């Protein structure tokens, strides 16, 4: 149960970072690093959620 919460938090934070990175890609700011880190966190969170759902 605890791992699923970690996955949910990672997925939510990753989605927010990816959206912020996409916005900063067009606006002034470091968009590409935020986008890459956000997508990595989002994918990791989704993998953790899927792994805990199988067991």
N, C-alpha and C. Protein backbone atom coordinates (compact mmCIF):
# COMPACT_ATOMS: atom_id res chain seq x y z
N UNK A 1 0.82 -1.20 0.00
CA UNK A 1 0.00 0.00 0.00
C UNK A 1 0.86 1.26 0.00
N UNK A 2 1.97 1.21 0.75
CA UNK A 2 2.84 2.37 0.84
C UNK A 2 3.51 2.66 -0.51
N UNK A 3 3.87 1.60 -1.23
CA UNK A 3 4.52 1.79 -2.53
C UNK A 3 3.57 2.42 -3.53
N UNK A 4 2.29 2.09 -3.44
CA UNK A 4 1.31 2.66 -4.35
C UNK A 4 1.18 4.17 -4.13
N UNK A 5 1.25 4.59 -2.87
CA UNK A 5 1.21 6.03 -2.58
C UNK A 5 2.43 6.75 -3.12
N UNK A 6 3.58 6.11 -3.01
CA UNK A 6 4.80 6.70 -3.57
C UNK A 6 4.65 6.85 -5.08
N UNK A 7 4.12 5.83 -5.73
CA UNK A 7 3.90 5.89 -7.18
C UNK A 7 2.91 6.98 -7.56
N UNK A 8 1.86 7.14 -6.77
CA UNK A 8 0.87 8.18 -7.04
C UNK A 8 1.48 9.57 -6.90
N UNK A 9 2.26 9.76 -5.85
CA UNK A 9 2.91 11.07 -5.65
C UNK A 9 3.92 11.35 -6.76
N UNK A 10 4.68 10.33 -7.15
CA UNK A 10 5.65 10.50 -8.24
C UNK A 10 4.94 10.84 -9.55
N UNK A 11 3.85 10.15 -9.83
CA UNK A 11 3.12 10.41 -11.07
C UNK A 11 2.52 11.81 -11.08
N UNK A 12 1.97 12.23 -9.95
CA UNK A 12 1.37 13.56 -9.87
C UNK A 12 2.44 14.65 -9.99
N UNK A 13 3.54 14.47 -9.29
CA UNK A 13 4.62 15.46 -9.38
C UNK A 13 5.23 15.48 -10.77
N UNK A 14 5.36 14.31 -11.38
CA UNK A 14 5.90 14.24 -12.73
C UNK A 14 5.01 14.92 -13.74
N UNK A 15 3.70 14.74 -13.58
CA UNK A 15 2.77 15.40 -14.51
C UNK A 15 2.86 16.92 -14.37
N UNK A 16 2.94 17.39 -13.14
CA UNK A 16 3.05 18.84 -12.93
C UNK A 16 4.36 19.39 -13.50
N UNK A 17 5.45 18.66 -13.26
CA UNK A 17 6.74 19.11 -13.80
C UNK A 17 6.76 19.08 -15.32
N UNK A 18 6.15 18.07 -15.90
CA UNK A 18 6.11 17.98 -17.37
C UNK A 18 5.28 19.11 -17.96
N UNK A 19 4.16 19.42 -17.32
CA UNK A 19 3.35 20.55 -17.80
C UNK A 19 4.09 21.87 -17.64
N UNK A 20 4.76 22.04 -16.52
CA UNK A 20 5.54 23.26 -16.31
C UNK A 20 6.67 23.36 -17.32
N UNK A 21 7.31 22.23 -17.60
CA UNK A 21 8.39 22.23 -18.58
C UNK A 21 7.89 22.55 -19.97
N UNK A 22 6.71 22.03 -20.32
CA UNK A 22 6.14 22.34 -21.64
C UNK A 22 5.79 23.82 -21.73
N UNK A 23 5.28 24.37 -20.65
CA UNK A 23 4.95 25.80 -20.65
C UNK A 23 6.23 26.64 -20.72
N UNK A 24 7.26 26.24 -19.97
CA UNK A 24 8.51 27.01 -19.98
C UNK A 24 9.28 26.82 -21.28
N UNK A 25 8.95 25.79 -22.03
CA UNK A 25 9.60 25.61 -23.32
C UNK A 25 9.22 26.75 -24.26
N UNK A 26 7.99 27.24 -24.11
CA UNK A 26 7.53 28.36 -24.93
C UNK A 26 7.78 29.69 -24.25
N UNK A 27 7.69 29.72 -22.93
CA UNK A 27 7.93 30.94 -22.16
C UNK A 27 9.38 30.97 -21.72
N UNK A 28 9.84 32.11 -21.22
CA UNK A 28 11.23 32.16 -20.73
C UNK A 28 11.42 31.25 -19.52
N UNK A 29 12.42 30.45 -19.57
CA UNK A 29 12.73 29.56 -18.46
C UNK A 29 13.39 28.29 -18.94
N UNK A 30 13.89 27.49 -18.01
CA UNK A 30 14.57 26.24 -18.38
C UNK A 30 13.56 25.14 -18.66
N UNK A 31 12.95 25.16 -19.81
CA UNK A 31 11.86 24.24 -20.12
C UNK A 31 12.29 22.81 -20.34
N UNK A 32 13.37 22.60 -21.07
CA UNK A 32 13.76 21.23 -21.42
C UNK A 32 14.16 20.40 -20.20
N UNK A 33 14.96 20.90 -19.26
CA UNK A 33 15.26 20.07 -18.08
C UNK A 33 14.02 19.72 -17.26
N UNK A 34 13.11 20.67 -17.10
CA UNK A 34 11.88 20.39 -16.36
C UNK A 34 11.05 19.35 -17.08
N UNK A 35 11.00 19.44 -18.38
CA UNK A 35 10.22 18.49 -19.17
C UNK A 35 10.80 17.08 -19.05
N UNK A 36 12.10 16.95 -19.15
CA UNK A 36 12.75 15.64 -19.08
C UNK A 36 12.59 15.04 -17.68
N UNK A 37 12.83 15.83 -16.64
CA UNK A 37 12.70 15.34 -15.27
C UNK A 37 11.25 14.99 -14.97
N UNK A 38 10.32 15.80 -15.45
CA UNK A 38 8.91 15.52 -15.23
C UNK A 38 8.45 14.25 -15.90
N UNK A 39 8.88 14.03 -17.13
CA UNK A 39 8.51 12.80 -17.84
C UNK A 39 9.13 11.57 -17.18
N UNK A 40 10.37 11.70 -16.70
CA UNK A 40 11.01 10.58 -16.02
C UNK A 40 10.28 10.24 -14.73
N UNK A 41 9.89 11.25 -13.96
CA UNK A 41 9.16 11.00 -12.71
C UNK A 41 7.78 10.42 -13.00
N UNK A 42 7.12 10.92 -14.04
CA UNK A 42 5.80 10.42 -14.39
C UNK A 42 5.86 8.94 -14.80
N UNK A 43 6.81 8.59 -15.63
CA UNK A 43 6.95 7.20 -16.07
C UNK A 43 7.30 6.30 -14.89
N UNK A 44 8.22 6.75 -14.03
CA UNK A 44 8.59 5.96 -12.86
C UNK A 44 7.40 5.74 -11.94
N UNK A 45 6.61 6.78 -11.71
CA UNK A 45 5.43 6.64 -10.88
C UNK A 45 4.42 5.67 -11.46
N UNK A 46 4.22 5.72 -12.76
CA UNK A 46 3.28 4.81 -13.39
C UNK A 46 3.77 3.36 -13.35
N UNK A 47 5.08 3.17 -13.46
CA UNK A 47 5.63 1.81 -13.37
C UNK A 47 5.46 1.27 -11.95
N UNK A 48 5.69 2.11 -10.95
CA UNK A 48 5.52 1.68 -9.57
C UNK A 48 4.06 1.32 -9.30
N UNK A 49 3.14 2.11 -9.80
CA UNK A 49 1.71 1.81 -9.62
C UNK A 49 1.34 0.49 -10.30
N UNK A 50 1.85 0.27 -11.49
CA UNK A 50 1.55 -0.97 -12.21
C UNK A 50 2.18 -2.17 -11.51
N UNK A 51 3.36 -2.01 -10.96
CA UNK A 51 4.02 -3.12 -10.28
C UNK A 51 3.29 -3.49 -8.99
N UNK A 52 2.79 -2.52 -8.28
CA UNK A 52 2.07 -2.84 -7.04
C UNK A 52 0.67 -3.39 -7.33
N UNK A 53 0.12 -3.08 -8.47
CA UNK A 53 -1.20 -3.59 -8.84
C UNK A 53 -1.13 -5.08 -9.17
N UNK A 54 0.00 -5.53 -9.71
CA UNK A 54 0.14 -6.94 -10.10
C UNK A 54 0.30 -7.87 -8.91
N UNK A 55 0.92 -7.40 -7.84
CA UNK A 55 1.18 -8.29 -6.70
C UNK A 55 0.02 -8.32 -5.76
